Amino acid sequence: MAITQQQLDESLNNRNNLAGEHVFTDTGQLILLVIFLVAWITDSFFFHYSDFLKSYVPVYVRLPAGLAFLTASALFVLSAHKAVFGKIVREPGLITRGVFSIVRHPMYFGSWLFFFGLMLITLSLASAAVCVLIFVFYYLVSKYEEKLLLQRYGTTYEEYRTGVPMLFPLKIRRK
């Protein structure tokens, strides 16, 4: 059965399974993107603050590694976007499959991988500092969204949260 554009629009506009996001998320991401690009471009291509690092890690190592991170970035972001917005959901609920079984916030993780991949290709110290700032931003936004998800899904989200890392796909065991 074919889905009409009207059905798709209604589905996307009435997504009652989405808990919401911080009001500053989109603006913050745009601002940090501009800051990152300015730092990365000026350091990597004009002022060359970090050129001394390039003698330690040759381009034939940096380029494939950076491209691998950029590819992983695209996979995380596109897979998460498709899982959330890619189809009409007849019974909305918490998404825990696919990339959401690896990290709870795969769009943010994938976005951060993009910045990290670019930084890795040129080994820019200025953009590495901004990368840290971007990770902190995504962590704080994720913490805010976690509160909304806990309010919306309660114990279901709490159980999911205990089994899946928030932003980085490594499970750190606490004693």
N, C-alpha and C. Protein backbone atom coordinates (compact mmCIF):
# COMPACT_ATOMS: atom_id res chain seq x y z
N MET A 1 0.85 -1.18 0.00
CA MET A 1 0.00 0.00 0.00
C MET A 1 0.89 1.24 0.00
N ALA A 2 0.67 2.13 -0.94
CA ALA A 2 1.47 3.34 -1.06
C ALA A 2 1.04 4.37 -0.01
N ILE A 3 2.03 5.06 0.51
CA ILE A 3 1.78 6.11 1.50
C ILE A 3 1.70 7.44 0.77
N THR A 4 0.65 8.19 1.05
CA THR A 4 0.51 9.49 0.41
C THR A 4 1.37 10.51 1.13
N GLN A 5 1.65 11.61 0.45
CA GLN A 5 2.43 12.69 1.06
C GLN A 5 1.71 13.25 2.27
N GLN A 6 0.39 13.34 2.22
CA GLN A 6 -0.39 13.85 3.34
C GLN A 6 -0.24 12.94 4.56
N GLN A 7 -0.28 11.62 4.37
CA GLN A 7 -0.10 10.69 5.48
C GLN A 7 1.30 10.84 6.09
N LEU A 8 2.30 11.00 5.24
CA LEU A 8 3.67 11.18 5.72
C LEU A 8 3.79 12.47 6.52
N ASP A 9 3.24 13.57 5.99
CA ASP A 9 3.29 14.86 6.69
C ASP A 9 2.59 14.78 8.04
N GLU A 10 1.43 14.14 8.09
CA GLU A 10 0.70 14.01 9.35
C GLU A 10 1.49 13.16 10.34
N SER A 11 2.13 12.11 9.85
CA SER A 11 2.92 11.25 10.72
C SER A 11 4.09 12.01 11.33
N LEU A 12 4.77 12.80 10.51
CA LEU A 12 5.92 13.55 11.02
C LEU A 12 5.50 14.68 11.95
N ASN A 13 4.36 15.30 11.68
CA ASN A 13 3.90 16.39 12.53
C ASN A 13 3.28 15.92 13.83
N ASN A 14 2.78 14.71 13.86
CA ASN A 14 2.12 14.17 15.05
C ASN A 14 2.95 13.07 15.69
N ARG A 15 4.23 13.27 15.80
CA ARG A 15 5.11 12.25 16.37
C ARG A 15 5.06 12.35 17.88
N ASN A 16 4.06 11.73 18.48
CA ASN A 16 3.94 11.80 19.92
C ASN A 16 4.90 10.86 20.65
N ASN A 17 5.74 10.12 19.92
CA ASN A 17 6.74 9.31 20.57
C ASN A 17 8.05 10.08 20.78
N LEU A 18 8.17 11.27 20.20
CA LEU A 18 9.38 12.06 20.39
C LEU A 18 9.25 12.85 21.68
N ALA A 19 10.25 12.75 22.52
CA ALA A 19 10.19 13.40 23.83
C ALA A 19 10.54 14.89 23.76
N GLY A 20 11.26 15.31 22.74
CA GLY A 20 11.65 16.71 22.61
C GLY A 20 13.14 16.89 22.75
N GLU A 21 13.56 18.12 22.56
CA GLU A 21 14.98 18.44 22.70
C GLU A 21 15.10 19.82 23.33
N HIS A 22 16.30 20.13 23.75
CA HIS A 22 16.58 21.42 24.35
C HIS A 22 16.37 22.51 23.30
N VAL A 23 15.84 23.65 23.70
CA VAL A 23 15.54 24.72 22.74
C VAL A 23 16.80 25.26 22.07
N PHE A 24 17.96 25.11 22.69
CA PHE A 24 19.21 25.64 22.15
C PHE A 24 19.96 24.62 21.28
N THR A 25 19.42 23.41 21.13
CA THR A 25 20.15 22.35 20.43
C THR A 25 20.51 22.73 19.00
N ASP A 26 19.53 23.12 18.20
CA ASP A 26 19.81 23.42 16.79
C ASP A 26 20.72 24.63 16.64
N THR A 27 20.43 25.69 17.37
CA THR A 27 21.25 26.90 17.31
C THR A 27 22.66 26.62 17.80
N GLY A 28 22.77 25.88 18.90
CA GLY A 28 24.08 25.54 19.45
C GLY A 28 24.91 24.73 18.47
N GLN A 29 24.27 23.77 17.79
CA GLN A 29 24.99 22.96 16.81
C GLN A 29 25.49 23.82 15.65
N LEU A 30 24.67 24.74 15.21
CA LEU A 30 25.08 25.62 14.10
C LEU A 30 26.24 26.52 14.52
N ILE A 31 26.16 27.10 15.71
CA ILE A 31 27.23 27.96 16.21
C ILE A 31 28.53 27.17 16.35
N LEU A 32 28.45 25.97 16.93
CA LEU A 32 29.65 25.15 17.10
C LEU A 32 30.22 24.68 15.77
N LEU A 33 29.37 24.43 14.79
CA LEU A 33 29.85 24.08 13.45
C LEU A 33 30.68 25.22 12.87
N VAL A 34 30.18 26.44 12.99
CA VAL A 34 30.91 27.60 12.46
C VAL A 34 32.23 27.77 13.21
N ILE A 35 32.20 27.68 14.53
CA ILE A 35 33.43 27.81 15.32
C ILE A 35 34.44 26.73 14.93
N PHE A 36 33.95 25.50 14.80
CA PHE A 36 34.85 24.41 14.42
C PHE A 36 35.47 24.67 13.05
N LEU A 37 34.64 25.00 12.08
CA LEU A 37 35.17 25.21 10.72
C LEU A 37 36.17 26.35 10.67
N VAL A 38 35.91 27.42 11.39
CA VAL A 38 36.86 28.54 11.43
C VAL A 38 38.18 28.07 12.05
N ALA A 39 38.10 27.37 13.18
CA ALA A 39 39.32 26.88 13.85
C ALA A 39 40.06 25.88 12.96
N TRP A 40 39.32 24.95 12.37
CA TRP A 40 39.93 23.91 11.55
C TRP A 40 40.58 24.48 10.29
N ILE A 41 39.87 25.35 9.60
CA ILE A 41 40.38 25.93 8.35
C ILE A 41 41.58 26.84 8.62
N THR A 42 41.46 27.70 9.62
CA THR A 42 42.58 28.62 9.88
C THR A 42 43.82 27.89 10.35
N ASP A 43 43.67 26.89 11.20
CA ASP A 43 44.83 26.14 11.69
C ASP A 43 45.39 25.24 10.60
N SER A 44 44.52 24.53 9.90
CA SER A 44 44.97 23.53 8.93
C SER A 44 45.50 24.11 7.63
N PHE A 45 44.92 25.24 7.19
CA PHE A 45 45.23 25.70 5.84
C PHE A 45 45.86 27.10 5.75
N PHE A 46 45.83 27.86 6.85
CA PHE A 46 46.40 29.21 6.78
C PHE A 46 47.56 29.41 7.76
N PHE A 47 47.30 29.26 9.05
CA PHE A 47 48.32 29.58 10.04
C PHE A 47 49.19 28.39 10.43
N HIS A 48 48.73 27.19 10.22
CA HIS A 48 49.51 25.96 10.44
C HIS A 48 50.08 25.86 11.86
N TYR A 49 49.27 26.17 12.87
CA TYR A 49 49.72 26.06 14.26
C TYR A 49 50.16 24.64 14.60
N SER A 50 49.49 23.68 14.04
CA SER A 50 49.67 22.29 14.45
C SER A 50 50.52 21.47 13.49
N ASP A 51 51.22 22.10 12.59
CA ASP A 51 51.99 21.35 11.59
C ASP A 51 53.04 20.42 12.20
N PHE A 52 53.55 20.77 13.37
CA PHE A 52 54.58 19.92 13.98
C PHE A 52 54.05 18.52 14.27
N LEU A 53 52.74 18.37 14.47
CA LEU A 53 52.17 17.05 14.74
C LEU A 53 52.18 16.14 13.52
N LYS A 54 52.14 16.75 12.35
CA LYS A 54 52.06 15.97 11.11
C LYS A 54 53.31 15.13 10.87
N SER A 55 54.43 15.52 11.46
CA SER A 55 55.65 14.73 11.29
C SER A 55 55.59 13.44 12.12
N TYR A 56 54.72 13.40 13.12
CA TYR A 56 54.58 12.21 13.96
C TYR A 56 53.58 11.20 13.38
N VAL A 57 52.59 11.72 12.67
CA VAL A 57 51.56 10.84 12.09
C VAL A 57 51.44 11.17 10.60
N PRO A 58 51.95 10.30 9.74
CA PRO A 58 51.94 10.61 8.31
C PRO A 58 50.53 10.63 7.72
N VAL A 59 50.40 11.29 6.57
CA VAL A 59 49.11 11.47 5.92
C VAL A 59 48.48 10.13 5.52
N TYR A 60 49.30 9.13 5.18
CA TYR A 60 48.74 7.84 4.79
C TYR A 60 48.12 7.10 5.98
N VAL A 61 48.35 7.57 7.20
CA VAL A 61 47.66 7.04 8.38
C VAL A 61 46.47 7.94 8.73
N ARG A 62 46.69 9.24 8.73
CA ARG A 62 45.64 10.20 9.11
C ARG A 62 44.45 10.18 8.16
N LEU A 63 44.71 10.16 6.86
CA LEU A 63 43.64 10.25 5.88
C LEU A 63 42.68 9.05 5.94
N PRO A 64 43.18 7.82 5.91
CA PRO A 64 42.23 6.69 6.01
C PRO A 64 41.48 6.66 7.35
N ALA A 65 42.19 6.99 8.43
CA ALA A 65 41.53 7.00 9.74
C ALA A 65 40.44 8.07 9.78
N GLY A 66 40.76 9.26 9.29
CA GLY A 66 39.77 10.34 9.26
C GLY A 66 38.58 9.99 8.39
N LEU A 67 38.85 9.39 7.22
CA LEU A 67 37.76 8.99 6.33
C LEU A 67 36.90 7.89 6.96
N ALA A 68 37.51 7.01 7.73
CA ALA A 68 36.75 5.98 8.44
C ALA A 68 35.79 6.62 9.45
N PHE A 69 36.28 7.63 10.17
CA PHE A 69 35.42 8.33 11.12
C PHE A 69 34.30 9.09 10.40
N LEU A 70 34.62 9.70 9.28
CA LEU A 70 33.58 10.41 8.50
C LEU A 70 32.53 9.44 7.98
N THR A 71 32.96 8.26 7.55
CA THR A 71 32.02 7.24 7.09
C THR A 71 31.14 6.76 8.24
N ALA A 72 31.76 6.49 9.38
CA ALA A 72 30.99 6.07 10.57
C ALA A 72 30.00 7.17 10.97
N SER A 73 30.43 8.41 10.85
CA SER A 73 29.54 9.54 11.16
C SER A 73 28.29 9.48 10.30
N ALA A 74 28.48 9.33 9.00
CA ALA A 74 27.34 9.28 8.08
C ALA A 74 26.44 8.09 8.40
N LEU A 75 27.02 6.94 8.70
CA LEU A 75 26.22 5.75 9.01
C LEU A 75 25.38 5.96 10.26
N PHE A 76 25.96 6.50 11.31
CA PHE A 76 25.21 6.73 12.55
C PHE A 76 24.09 7.74 12.34
N VAL A 77 24.42 8.88 11.73
CA VAL A 77 23.42 9.93 11.57
C VAL A 77 22.29 9.48 10.64
N LEU A 78 22.63 8.91 9.50
CA LEU A 78 21.60 8.50 8.55
C LEU A 78 20.74 7.36 9.09
N SER A 79 21.37 6.40 9.76
CA SER A 79 20.61 5.29 10.34
C SER A 79 19.67 5.77 11.44
N ALA A 80 20.16 6.67 12.29
CA ALA A 80 19.31 7.20 13.36
C ALA A 80 18.17 8.03 12.79
N HIS A 81 18.48 8.85 11.80
CA HIS A 81 17.45 9.69 11.19
C HIS A 81 16.37 8.81 10.54
N LYS A 82 16.80 7.76 9.86
CA LYS A 82 15.83 6.85 9.23
C LYS A 82 14.98 6.14 10.29
N ALA A 83 15.60 5.74 11.39
CA ALA A 83 14.85 5.04 12.44
C ALA A 83 13.80 5.96 13.07
N VAL A 84 14.12 7.24 13.20
CA VAL A 84 13.19 8.17 13.85
C VAL A 84 12.17 8.73 12.87
N PHE A 85 12.61 9.12 11.69
CA PHE A 85 11.73 9.84 10.76
C PHE A 85 11.43 9.11 9.46
N GLY A 86 12.02 7.94 9.25
CA GLY A 86 11.96 7.30 7.95
C GLY A 86 10.70 6.58 7.58
N LYS A 87 9.84 6.32 8.52
CA LYS A 87 8.62 5.60 8.16
C LYS A 87 7.49 6.02 9.09
N ILE A 88 6.30 5.74 8.66
CA ILE A 88 5.15 6.03 9.50
C ILE A 88 5.10 4.98 10.60
N VAL A 89 5.05 5.43 11.83
CA VAL A 89 5.02 4.53 12.97
C VAL A 89 3.57 4.39 13.43
N ARG A 90 3.05 3.19 13.30
CA ARG A 90 1.65 2.97 13.68
C ARG A 90 1.50 2.96 15.20
N GLU A 91 2.47 2.39 15.90
CA GLU A 91 2.45 2.36 17.35
C GLU A 91 3.73 3.02 17.85
N PRO A 92 3.69 4.32 18.10
CA PRO A 92 4.90 5.02 18.53
C PRO A 92 5.42 4.48 19.86
N GLY A 93 6.71 4.50 20.00
CA GLY A 93 7.32 4.05 21.24
C GLY A 93 8.81 4.34 21.23
N LEU A 94 9.45 3.87 22.26
CA LEU A 94 10.88 4.06 22.42
C LEU A 94 11.64 3.23 21.37
N ILE A 95 12.56 3.85 20.66
CA ILE A 95 13.36 3.15 19.66
C ILE A 95 14.61 2.62 20.33
N THR A 96 14.78 1.31 20.29
CA THR A 96 15.94 0.69 20.95
C THR A 96 16.72 -0.24 20.03
N ARG A 97 16.32 -0.34 18.78
CA ARG A 97 16.99 -1.24 17.84
C ARG A 97 17.94 -0.46 16.93
N GLY A 98 18.72 -1.20 16.16
CA GLY A 98 19.64 -0.58 15.21
C GLY A 98 20.73 0.21 15.93
N VAL A 99 21.03 1.40 15.43
CA VAL A 99 22.08 2.21 16.06
C VAL A 99 21.71 2.63 17.47
N PHE A 100 20.41 2.61 17.78
CA PHE A 100 19.97 2.94 19.14
C PHE A 100 20.30 1.83 20.13
N SER A 101 20.73 0.68 19.65
CA SER A 101 21.20 -0.38 20.55
C SER A 101 22.70 -0.23 20.84
N ILE A 102 23.36 0.68 20.12
CA ILE A 102 24.80 0.92 20.31
C ILE A 102 25.02 2.12 21.22
N VAL A 103 24.31 3.22 20.95
CA VAL A 103 24.34 4.42 21.80
C VAL A 103 22.93 4.99 21.86
N ARG A 104 22.62 5.65 22.97
CA ARG A 104 21.27 6.20 23.14
C ARG A 104 21.04 7.45 22.31
N HIS A 105 22.08 8.13 21.91
CA HIS A 105 21.96 9.36 21.12
C HIS A 105 22.85 9.26 19.88
N PRO A 106 22.48 8.39 18.94
CA PRO A 106 23.36 8.15 17.79
C PRO A 106 23.50 9.34 16.84
N MET A 107 22.51 10.22 16.77
CA MET A 107 22.66 11.40 15.90
C MET A 107 23.74 12.32 16.46
N TYR A 108 23.75 12.52 17.76
CA TYR A 108 24.78 13.36 18.37
C TYR A 108 26.14 12.70 18.27
N PHE A 109 26.21 11.41 18.51
CA PHE A 109 27.48 10.70 18.40
C PHE A 109 28.01 10.77 16.97
N GLY A 110 27.13 10.53 16.00
CA GLY A 110 27.54 10.59 14.60
C GLY A 110 27.99 11.98 14.20
N SER A 111 27.30 12.99 14.70
CA SER A 111 27.69 14.38 14.40
C SER A 111 29.08 14.66 14.98
N TRP A 112 29.33 14.19 16.19
CA TRP A 112 30.64 14.41 16.81
C TRP A 112 31.73 13.67 16.03
N LEU A 113 31.42 12.47 15.52
CA LEU A 113 32.40 11.73 14.72
C LEU A 113 32.82 12.52 13.47
N PHE A 114 31.89 13.29 12.91
CA PHE A 114 32.20 14.12 11.75
C PHE A 114 33.32 15.11 12.10
N PHE A 115 33.14 15.82 13.20
CA PHE A 115 34.14 16.80 13.63
C PHE A 115 35.47 16.11 13.95
N PHE A 116 35.39 14.99 14.64
CA PHE A 116 36.60 14.26 15.01
C PHE A 116 37.34 13.77 13.77
N GLY A 117 36.61 13.29 12.76
CA GLY A 117 37.23 12.82 11.53
C GLY A 117 37.98 13.93 10.81
N LEU A 118 37.36 15.10 10.71
CA LEU A 118 38.05 16.23 10.07
C LEU A 118 39.29 16.64 10.86
N MET A 119 39.15 16.68 12.17
CA MET A 119 40.30 17.05 13.01
C MET A 119 41.43 16.05 12.84
N LEU A 120 41.08 14.77 12.75
CA LEU A 120 42.09 13.73 12.63
C LEU A 120 42.86 13.81 11.31
N ILE A 121 42.19 14.18 10.25
CA ILE A 121 42.85 14.27 8.94
C ILE A 121 43.98 15.29 8.96
N THR A 122 43.77 16.43 9.62
CA THR A 122 44.79 17.48 9.62
C THR A 122 45.54 17.61 10.95
N LEU A 123 45.10 16.88 11.96
CA LEU A 123 45.69 16.97 13.31
C LEU A 123 45.73 18.40 13.82
N SER A 124 44.66 19.11 13.64
CA SER A 124 44.56 20.50 14.09
C SER A 124 44.28 20.56 15.59
N LEU A 125 45.20 21.17 16.33
CA LEU A 125 44.99 21.31 17.78
C LEU A 125 43.84 22.27 18.09
N ALA A 126 43.70 23.32 17.29
CA ALA A 126 42.62 24.27 17.51
C ALA A 126 41.27 23.58 17.35
N SER A 127 41.13 22.77 16.31
CA SER A 127 39.85 22.08 16.12
C SER A 127 39.68 20.94 17.13
N ALA A 128 40.77 20.38 17.65
CA ALA A 128 40.67 19.37 18.70
C ALA A 128 40.05 19.98 19.96
N ALA A 129 40.45 21.21 20.26
CA ALA A 129 39.86 21.90 21.42
C ALA A 129 38.37 22.13 21.21
N VAL A 130 38.00 22.51 20.00
CA VAL A 130 36.57 22.72 19.70
C VAL A 130 35.84 21.38 19.73
N CYS A 131 36.50 20.31 19.31
CA CYS A 131 35.91 18.97 19.37
C CYS A 131 35.52 18.60 20.81
N VAL A 132 36.38 18.93 21.73
CA VAL A 132 36.09 18.68 23.14
C VAL A 132 34.87 19.50 23.57
N LEU A 133 34.84 20.76 23.17
CA LEU A 133 33.71 21.62 23.49
C LEU A 133 32.41 21.07 22.89
N ILE A 134 32.48 20.58 21.67
CA ILE A 134 31.30 20.01 21.01
C ILE A 134 30.83 18.76 21.76
N PHE A 135 31.76 17.93 22.20
CA PHE A 135 31.37 16.73 22.95
C PHE A 135 30.67 17.11 24.25
N VAL A 136 31.19 18.11 24.93
CA VAL A 136 30.56 18.59 26.17
C VAL A 136 29.16 19.11 25.87
N PHE A 137 29.01 19.86 24.79
CA PHE A 137 27.70 20.37 24.38
C PHE A 137 26.73 19.21 24.16
N TYR A 138 27.14 18.20 23.39
CA TYR A 138 26.27 17.06 23.13
C TYR A 138 25.95 16.30 24.42
N TYR A 139 26.91 16.22 25.32
CA TYR A 139 26.67 15.56 26.60
C TYR A 139 25.59 16.30 27.40
N LEU A 140 25.71 17.63 27.48
CA LEU A 140 24.73 18.42 28.24
C LEU A 140 23.34 18.37 27.61
N VAL A 141 23.29 18.46 26.29
CA VAL A 141 22.00 18.37 25.59
C VAL A 141 21.39 16.98 25.80
N SER A 142 22.22 15.96 25.75
CA SER A 142 21.74 14.59 25.95
C SER A 142 21.21 14.39 27.36
N LYS A 143 21.89 14.96 28.35
CA LYS A 143 21.41 14.87 29.74
C LYS A 143 20.02 15.51 29.87
N TYR A 144 19.82 16.64 29.22
CA TYR A 144 18.52 17.30 29.24
C TYR A 144 17.45 16.40 28.59
N GLU A 145 17.79 15.84 27.44
CA GLU A 145 16.84 14.98 26.74
C GLU A 145 16.57 13.70 27.51
N GLU A 146 17.56 13.22 28.26
CA GLU A 146 17.36 12.02 29.08
C GLU A 146 16.26 12.26 30.12
N LYS A 147 16.22 13.46 30.68
CA LYS A 147 15.15 13.78 31.65
C LYS A 147 13.78 13.71 30.98
N LEU A 148 13.68 14.25 29.77
CA LEU A 148 12.41 14.20 29.03
C LEU A 148 12.02 12.76 28.71
N LEU A 149 13.01 11.96 28.32
CA LEU A 149 12.73 10.56 27.97
C LEU A 149 12.33 9.76 29.20
N LEU A 150 12.95 10.05 30.34
CA LEU A 150 12.56 9.38 31.58
C LEU A 150 11.13 9.75 31.97
N GLN A 151 10.77 11.02 31.82
CA GLN A 151 9.40 11.44 32.12
C GLN A 151 8.41 10.74 31.20
N ARG A 152 8.76 10.61 29.95
CA ARG A 152 7.85 10.05 28.94
C ARG A 152 7.73 8.53 29.04
N TYR A 153 8.88 7.84 29.21
CA TYR A 153 8.88 6.38 29.14
C TYR A 153 9.15 5.67 30.45
N GLY A 154 9.51 6.41 31.51
CA GLY A 154 9.67 5.83 32.85
C GLY A 154 10.63 4.67 32.93
N THR A 155 10.16 3.57 33.52
CA THR A 155 11.03 2.41 33.76
C THR A 155 11.52 1.77 32.47
N THR A 156 10.74 1.87 31.41
CA THR A 156 11.19 1.32 30.12
C THR A 156 12.47 2.02 29.68
N TYR A 157 12.49 3.35 29.82
CA TYR A 157 13.70 4.08 29.44
C TYR A 157 14.83 3.81 30.43
N GLU A 158 14.50 3.69 31.70
CA GLU A 158 15.52 3.43 32.72
C GLU A 158 16.22 2.10 32.43
N GLU A 159 15.47 1.08 32.05
CA GLU A 159 16.06 -0.21 31.71
C GLU A 159 16.94 -0.09 30.47
N TYR A 160 16.46 0.62 29.48
CA TYR A 160 17.24 0.84 28.25
C TYR A 160 18.52 1.59 28.58
N ARG A 161 18.40 2.59 29.43
CA ARG A 161 19.54 3.42 29.81
C ARG A 161 20.62 2.63 30.53
N THR A 162 20.24 1.65 31.31
CA THR A 162 21.24 0.87 32.03
C THR A 162 22.02 -0.07 31.11
N GLY A 163 21.46 -0.40 29.96
CA GLY A 163 22.12 -1.34 29.07
C GLY A 163 22.83 -0.75 27.88
N VAL A 164 22.57 0.54 27.57
CA VAL A 164 23.14 1.16 26.38
C VAL A 164 23.84 2.46 26.77
N PRO A 165 25.10 2.65 26.36
CA PRO A 165 25.82 3.88 26.69
C PRO A 165 25.16 5.12 26.07
N MET A 166 25.36 6.28 26.71
CA MET A 166 24.70 7.50 26.26
C MET A 166 25.27 8.02 24.95
N LEU A 167 26.55 8.33 24.90
CA LEU A 167 27.11 9.01 23.74
C LEU A 167 28.31 8.32 23.11
N PHE A 168 28.92 7.44 23.80
CA PHE A 168 30.12 6.79 23.27
C PHE A 168 29.94 5.29 23.41
N PRO A 169 30.09 4.53 22.35
CA PRO A 169 29.73 3.11 22.38
C PRO A 169 30.71 2.21 23.14
N LEU A 170 31.05 2.63 24.33
CA LEU A 170 31.85 1.79 25.22
C LEU A 170 31.12 1.70 26.55
N LYS A 171 30.88 0.51 26.98
CA LYS A 171 30.23 0.31 28.26
C LYS A 171 31.28 0.32 29.35
N ILE A 172 31.21 1.30 30.24
CA ILE A 172 32.16 1.39 31.35
C ILE A 172 31.49 0.78 32.57
N ARG A 173 32.12 -0.23 33.08
CA ARG A 173 31.54 -0.95 34.23
C ARG A 173 31.89 -0.24 35.52
N ARG A 174 30.87 -0.02 36.31
CA ARG A 174 31.08 0.61 37.62
C ARG A 174 30.94 -0.44 38.70
N LYS A 175 31.76 -0.29 39.73
CA LYS A 175 31.66 -1.24 40.86
C LYS A 175 30.83 -0.64 41.95
